[in-house]
Amino acid sequence: MTGGEPTAVRPARGARRWVTAPLVPALVLAVGVLATAGYGHVLTWAVIGALTGYTLSGSV
């Protein structure tokens, strides 16, 4: 250490601050839930079919 002045912390830019805000992931998740709400029965059977295939393939 040379004992000089500490470097100043630069403020985050507007876009970076918006992307890293805690509200953004919650909004993305909420939009995803609403988009898939109408396809719940299809997604349920898809997951059950995938798990059944995984089990029957001997991977378990």
PDB file of N, CA and C in Angstrom:
ATOM      1  N   MET A   1       0.844  -1.171   0.000  1.00  0.00           N
ATOM      2  CA  MET A   1       0.000   0.000   0.000  1.00  0.00           C
ATOM      3  C   MET A   1       0.886   1.229   0.000  1.00  0.00           C
ATOM      4  N   THR A   2       0.532   2.164  -0.797  1.00  0.00           N
ATOM      5  CA  THR A   2       1.331   3.372  -0.911  1.00  0.00           C
ATOM      6  C   THR A   2       0.848   4.487   0.000  1.00  0.00           C
ATOM      7  N   GLY A   3      -0.338   4.342   0.588  1.00  0.00           N
ATOM      8  CA  GLY A   3      -0.822   5.367   1.494  1.00  0.00           C
ATOM      9  C   GLY A   3      -1.484   6.529   0.777  1.00  0.00           C
ATOM     10  N   GLY A   4      -1.805   6.373  -0.510  1.00  0.00           N
ATOM     11  CA  GLY A   4      -2.475   7.442  -1.248  1.00  0.00           C
ATOM     12  C   GLY A   4      -3.941   7.534  -0.867  1.00  0.00           C
ATOM     13  N   GLU A   5      -4.611   8.451  -1.504  1.00  0.00           N
ATOM     14  CA  GLU A   5      -6.034   8.623  -1.234  1.00  0.00           C
ATOM     15  C   GLU A   5      -6.822   7.431  -1.791  1.00  0.00           C
ATOM     16  N   PRO A   6      -7.866   7.031  -1.093  1.00  0.00           N
ATOM     17  CA  PRO A   6      -8.686   5.928  -1.611  1.00  0.00           C
ATOM     18  C   PRO A   6      -9.424   6.367  -2.874  1.00  0.00           C
ATOM     19  N   THR A   7      -9.614   5.423  -3.767  1.00  0.00           N
ATOM     20  CA  THR A   7     -10.306   5.759  -5.009  1.00  0.00           C
ATOM     21  C   THR A   7     -11.782   5.960  -4.721  1.00  0.00           C
ATOM     22  N   ALA A   8     -12.368   6.882  -5.428  1.00  0.00           N
ATOM     23  CA  ALA A   8     -13.778   7.188  -5.244  1.00  0.00           C
ATOM     24  C   ALA A   8     -14.629   6.085  -5.872  1.00  0.00           C
ATOM     25  N   VAL A   9     -15.717   5.764  -5.231  1.00  0.00           N
ATOM     26  CA  VAL A   9     -16.642   4.766  -5.758  1.00  0.00           C
ATOM     27  C   VAL A   9     -17.571   5.467  -6.731  1.00  0.00           C
ATOM     28  N   ARG A  10     -17.604   4.914  -7.959  1.00  0.00           N
ATOM     29  CA  ARG A  10     -18.481   5.514  -8.964  1.00  0.00           C
ATOM     30  C   ARG A  10     -19.923   5.079  -8.741  1.00  0.00           C
ATOM     31  N   PRO A  11     -20.863   5.976  -8.899  1.00  0.00           N
ATOM     32  CA  PRO A  11     -22.269   5.578  -8.752  1.00  0.00           C
ATOM     33  C   PRO A  11     -22.682   4.665  -9.908  1.00  0.00           C
ATOM     34  N   ALA A  12     -23.578   3.741  -9.632  1.00  0.00           N
ATOM     35  CA  ALA A  12     -24.046   2.811 -10.665  1.00  0.00           C
ATOM     36  C   ALA A  12     -24.856   3.574 -11.703  1.00  0.00           C
ATOM     37  N   ARG A  13     -24.716   3.114 -12.926  1.00  0.00           N
ATOM     38  CA  ARG A  13     -25.494   3.749 -13.992  1.00  0.00           C
ATOM     39  C   ARG A  13     -26.961   3.390 -13.842  1.00  0.00           C
ATOM     40  N   GLY A  14     -27.811   4.148 -14.491  1.00  0.00           N
ATOM     41  CA  GLY A  14     -29.254   3.958 -14.373  1.00  0.00           C
ATOM     42  C   GLY A  14     -29.711   2.575 -14.795  1.00  0.00           C
ATOM     43  N   ALA A  15     -29.219   2.070 -15.936  1.00  0.00           N
ATOM     44  CA  ALA A  15     -29.650   0.756 -16.426  1.00  0.00           C
ATOM     45  C   ALA A  15     -29.174  -0.349 -15.501  1.00  0.00           C
ATOM     46  N   ARG A  16     -27.958  -0.250 -15.020  1.00  0.00           N
ATOM     47  CA  ARG A  16     -27.426  -1.280 -14.129  1.00  0.00           C
ATOM     48  C   ARG A  16     -28.181  -1.279 -12.799  1.00  0.00           C
ATOM     49  N   ARG A  17     -28.500  -0.125 -12.329  1.00  0.00           N
ATOM     50  CA  ARG A  17     -29.246  -0.017 -11.070  1.00  0.00           C
ATOM     51  C   ARG A  17     -30.643  -0.622 -11.240  1.00  0.00           C
ATOM     52  N   TRP A  18     -31.276  -0.413 -12.414  1.00  0.00           N
ATOM     53  CA  TRP A  18     -32.610  -0.934 -12.666  1.00  0.00           C
ATOM     54  C   TRP A  18     -32.578  -2.451 -12.784  1.00  0.00           C
ATOM     55  N   VAL A  19     -31.565  -3.008 -13.471  1.00  0.00           N
ATOM     56  CA  VAL A  19     -31.478  -4.452 -13.683  1.00  0.00           C
ATOM     57  C   VAL A  19     -31.193  -5.180 -12.380  1.00  0.00           C
ATOM     58  N   THR A  20     -30.427  -4.588 -11.501  1.00  0.00           N
ATOM     59  CA  THR A  20     -30.061  -5.262 -10.259  1.00  0.00           C
ATOM     60  C   THR A  20     -31.016  -4.963  -9.116  1.00  0.00           C
ATOM     61  N   ALA A  21     -32.085  -4.257  -9.388  1.00  0.00           N
ATOM     62  CA  ALA A  21     -33.058  -3.954  -8.344  1.00  0.00           C
ATOM     63  C   ALA A  21     -33.756  -5.243  -7.904  1.00  0.00           C
ATOM     64  N   PRO A  22     -34.057  -5.383  -6.632  1.00  0.00           N
ATOM     65  CA  PRO A  22     -34.703  -6.608  -6.156  1.00  0.00           C
ATOM     66  C   PRO A  22     -36.117  -6.798  -6.714  1.00  0.00           C
ATOM     67  N   LEU A  23     -36.723  -5.759  -7.194  1.00  0.00           N
ATOM     68  CA  LEU A  23     -38.081  -5.856  -7.712  1.00  0.00           C
ATOM     69  C   LEU A  23     -38.125  -6.531  -9.079  1.00  0.00           C
ATOM     70  N   VAL A  24     -37.063  -6.429  -9.854  1.00  0.00           N
ATOM     71  CA  VAL A  24     -37.048  -6.964 -11.217  1.00  0.00           C
ATOM     72  C   VAL A  24     -37.247  -8.480 -11.249  1.00  0.00           C
ATOM     73  N   PRO A  25     -36.507  -9.285 -10.479  1.00  0.00           N
ATOM     74  CA  PRO A  25     -36.761 -10.730 -10.522  1.00  0.00           C
ATOM     75  C   PRO A  25     -38.182 -11.088 -10.094  1.00  0.00           C
ATOM     76  N   ALA A  26     -38.732 -10.374  -9.138  1.00  0.00           N
ATOM     77  CA  ALA A  26     -40.102 -10.643  -8.695  1.00  0.00           C
ATOM     78  C   ALA A  26     -41.092 -10.356  -9.814  1.00  0.00           C
ATOM     79  N   LEU A  27     -40.875  -9.280 -10.549  1.00  0.00           N
ATOM     80  CA  LEU A  27     -41.763  -8.959 -11.667  1.00  0.00           C
ATOM     81  C   LEU A  27     -41.645  -9.990 -12.788  1.00  0.00           C
ATOM     82  N   VAL A  28     -40.431 -10.415 -13.081  1.00  0.00           N
ATOM     83  CA  VAL A  28     -40.226 -11.423 -14.127  1.00  0.00           C
ATOM     84  C   VAL A  28     -40.909 -12.727 -13.727  1.00  0.00           C
ATOM     85  N   LEU A  29     -40.776 -13.126 -12.483  1.00  0.00           N
ATOM     86  CA  LEU A  29     -41.415 -14.347 -12.003  1.00  0.00           C
ATOM     87  C   LEU A  29     -42.939 -14.220 -12.072  1.00  0.00           C
ATOM     88  N   ALA A  30     -43.465 -13.078 -11.685  1.00  0.00           N
ATOM     89  CA  ALA A  30     -44.914 -12.872 -11.727  1.00  0.00           C
ATOM     90  C   ALA A  30     -45.440 -12.936 -13.151  1.00  0.00           C
ATOM     91  N   VAL A  31     -44.728 -12.342 -14.086  1.00  0.00           N
ATOM     92  CA  VAL A  31     -45.145 -12.394 -15.485  1.00  0.00           C
ATOM     93  C   VAL A  31     -45.088 -13.835 -15.994  1.00  0.00           C
ATOM     94  N   GLY A  32     -44.057 -14.586 -15.615  1.00  0.00           N
ATOM     95  CA  GLY A  32     -43.951 -15.985 -16.014  1.00  0.00           C
ATOM     96  C   GLY A  32     -45.080 -16.833 -15.457  1.00  0.00           C
ATOM     97  N   VAL A  33     -45.447 -16.580 -14.219  1.00  0.00           N
ATOM     98  CA  VAL A  33     -46.550 -17.323 -13.601  1.00  0.00           C
ATOM     99  C   VAL A  33     -47.854 -17.018 -14.322  1.00  0.00           C
ATOM    100  N   LEU A  34     -48.085 -15.771 -14.624  1.00  0.00           N
ATOM    101  CA  LEU A  34     -49.320 -15.410 -15.327  1.00  0.00           C
ATOM    102  C   LEU A  34     -49.349 -15.969 -16.746  1.00  0.00           C
ATOM    103  N   ALA A  35     -48.189 -16.000 -17.397  1.00  0.00           N
ATOM    104  CA  ALA A  35     -48.135 -16.516 -18.771  1.00  0.00           C
ATOM    105  C   ALA A  35     -48.383 -18.009 -18.824  1.00  0.00           C
ATOM    106  N   THR A  36     -47.969 -18.744 -17.804  1.00  0.00           N
ATOM    107  CA  THR A  36     -48.132 -20.196 -17.808  1.00  0.00           C
ATOM    108  C   THR A  36     -49.374 -20.667 -17.063  1.00  0.00           C
ATOM    109  N   ALA A  37     -50.124 -19.762 -16.472  1.00  0.00           N
ATOM    110  CA  ALA A  37     -51.287 -20.158 -15.676  1.00  0.00           C
ATOM    111  C   ALA A  37     -52.309 -20.908 -16.513  1.00  0.00           C
ATOM    112  N   GLY A  38     -52.489 -20.526 -17.744  1.00  0.00           N
ATOM    113  CA  GLY A  38     -53.450 -21.194 -18.609  1.00  0.00           C
ATOM    114  C   GLY A  38     -52.985 -22.549 -19.090  1.00  0.00           C
ATOM    115  N   TYR A  39     -51.704 -22.835 -18.973  1.00  0.00           N
ATOM    116  CA  TYR A  39     -51.158 -24.099 -19.453  1.00  0.00           C
ATOM    117  C   TYR A  39     -50.754 -25.015 -18.301  1.00  0.00           C
ATOM    118  N   GLY A  40     -51.321 -24.813 -17.137  1.00  0.00           N
ATOM    119  CA  GLY A  40     -50.948 -25.581 -15.963  1.00  0.00           C
ATOM    120  C   GLY A  40     -51.158 -27.065 -16.127  1.00  0.00           C
ATOM    121  N   HIS A  41     -52.294 -27.466 -16.699  1.00  0.00           N
ATOM    122  CA  HIS A  41     -52.562 -28.889 -16.862  1.00  0.00           C
ATOM    123  C   HIS A  41     -51.600 -29.534 -17.853  1.00  0.00           C
ATOM    124  N   VAL A  42     -51.251 -28.815 -18.906  1.00  0.00           N
ATOM    125  CA  VAL A  42     -50.304 -29.343 -19.894  1.00  0.00           C
ATOM    126  C   VAL A  42     -48.919 -29.473 -19.275  1.00  0.00           C
ATOM    127  N   LEU A  43     -48.501 -28.470 -18.539  1.00  0.00           N
ATOM    128  CA  LEU A  43     -47.187 -28.514 -17.900  1.00  0.00           C
ATOM    129  C   LEU A  43     -47.113 -29.600 -16.836  1.00  0.00           C
ATOM    130  N   THR A  44     -48.214 -29.823 -16.131  1.00  0.00           N
ATOM    131  CA  THR A  44     -48.234 -30.878 -15.119  1.00  0.00           C
ATOM    132  C   THR A  44     -48.000 -32.236 -15.762  1.00  0.00           C
ATOM    133  N   TRP A  45     -48.731 -32.506 -16.848  1.00  0.00           N
ATOM    134  CA  TRP A  45     -48.562 -33.794 -17.524  1.00  0.00           C
ATOM    135  C   TRP A  45     -47.191 -33.910 -18.172  1.00  0.00           C
ATOM    136  N   ALA A  46     -46.635 -32.817 -18.621  1.00  0.00           N
ATOM    137  CA  ALA A  46     -45.288 -32.851 -19.203  1.00  0.00           C
ATOM    138  C   ALA A  46     -44.255 -33.222 -18.147  1.00  0.00           C
ATOM    139  N   VAL A  47     -44.386 -32.659 -16.946  1.00  0.00           N
ATOM    140  CA  VAL A  47     -43.449 -32.971 -15.866  1.00  0.00           C
ATOM    141  C   VAL A  47     -43.620 -34.419 -15.429  1.00  0.00           C
ATOM    142  N   ILE A  48     -44.868 -34.868 -15.293  1.00  0.00           N
ATOM    143  CA  ILE A  48     -45.113 -36.261 -14.901  1.00  0.00           C
ATOM    144  C   ILE A  48     -44.552 -37.210 -15.953  1.00  0.00           C
ATOM    145  N   GLY A  49     -44.751 -36.906 -17.230  1.00  0.00           N
ATOM    146  CA  GLY A  49     -44.214 -37.744 -18.293  1.00  0.00           C
ATOM    147  C   GLY A  49     -42.693 -37.773 -18.290  1.00  0.00           C
ATOM    148  N   ALA A  50     -42.085 -36.643 -18.040  1.00  0.00           N
ATOM    149  CA  ALA A  50     -40.612 -36.588 -18.001  1.00  0.00           C
ATOM    150  C   ALA A  50     -40.066 -37.399 -16.838  1.00  0.00           C
ATOM    151  N   LEU A  51     -40.701 -37.286 -15.682  1.00  0.00           N
ATOM    152  CA  LEU A  51     -40.255 -38.056 -14.514  1.00  0.00           C
ATOM    153  C   LEU A  51     -40.471 -39.551 -14.734  1.00  0.00           C
ATOM    154  N   THR A  52     -41.587 -39.919 -15.380  1.00  0.00           N
ATOM    155  CA  THR A  52     -41.842 -41.326 -15.668  1.00  0.00           C
ATOM    156  C   THR A  52     -40.810 -41.877 -16.632  1.00  0.00           C
ATOM    157  N   GLY A  53     -40.512 -41.133 -17.654  1.00  0.00           N
ATOM    158  CA  GLY A  53     -39.487 -41.570 -18.617  1.00  0.00           C
ATOM    159  C   GLY A  53     -38.129 -41.696 -17.973  1.00  0.00           C
ATOM    160  N   TYR A  54     -37.809 -40.790 -17.104  1.00  0.00           N
ATOM    161  CA  TYR A  54     -36.520 -40.856 -16.392  1.00  0.00           C
ATOM    162  C   TYR A  54     -36.456 -42.099 -15.510  1.00  0.00           C
ATOM    163  N   THR A  55     -37.580 -42.404 -14.845  1.00  0.00           N
ATOM    164  CA  THR A  55     -37.625 -43.573 -13.977  1.00  0.00           C
ATOM    165  C   THR A  55     -37.550 -44.860 -14.768  1.00  0.00           C
ATOM    166  N   LEU A  56     -38.303 -44.944 -15.871  1.00  0.00           N
ATOM    167  CA  LEU A  56     -38.349 -46.159 -16.665  1.00  0.00           C
ATOM    168  C   LEU A  56     -37.057 -46.399 -17.449  1.00  0.00           C
ATOM    169  N   SER A  57     -36.273 -45.359 -17.658  1.00  0.00           N
ATOM    170  CA  SER A  57     -35.044 -45.533 -18.427  1.00  0.00           C
ATOM    171  C   SER A  57     -33.936 -46.186 -17.601  1.00  0.00           C
ATOM    172  N   GLY A  58     -34.162 -46.345 -16.333  1.00  0.00           N
ATOM    173  CA  GLY A  58     -33.167 -46.965 -15.479  1.00  0.00           C
ATOM    174  C   GLY A  58     -32.170 -45.980 -14.922  1.00  0.00           C
ATOM    175  N   SER A  59     -32.447 -44.712 -15.027  1.00  0.00           N
ATOM    176  CA  SER A  59     -31.518 -43.697 -14.543  1.00  0.00           C
ATOM    177  C   SER A  59     -31.594 -43.528 -13.035  1.00  0.00           C
ATOM    178  N   VAL A  60     -32.604 -44.098 -12.433  1.00  0.00           N
ATOM    179  CA  VAL A  60     -32.788 -43.927 -10.984  1.00  0.00           C
ATOM    180  C   VAL A  60     -32.090 -45.036 -10.251  1.00  0.00           C
TER     181      VAL A  60
END
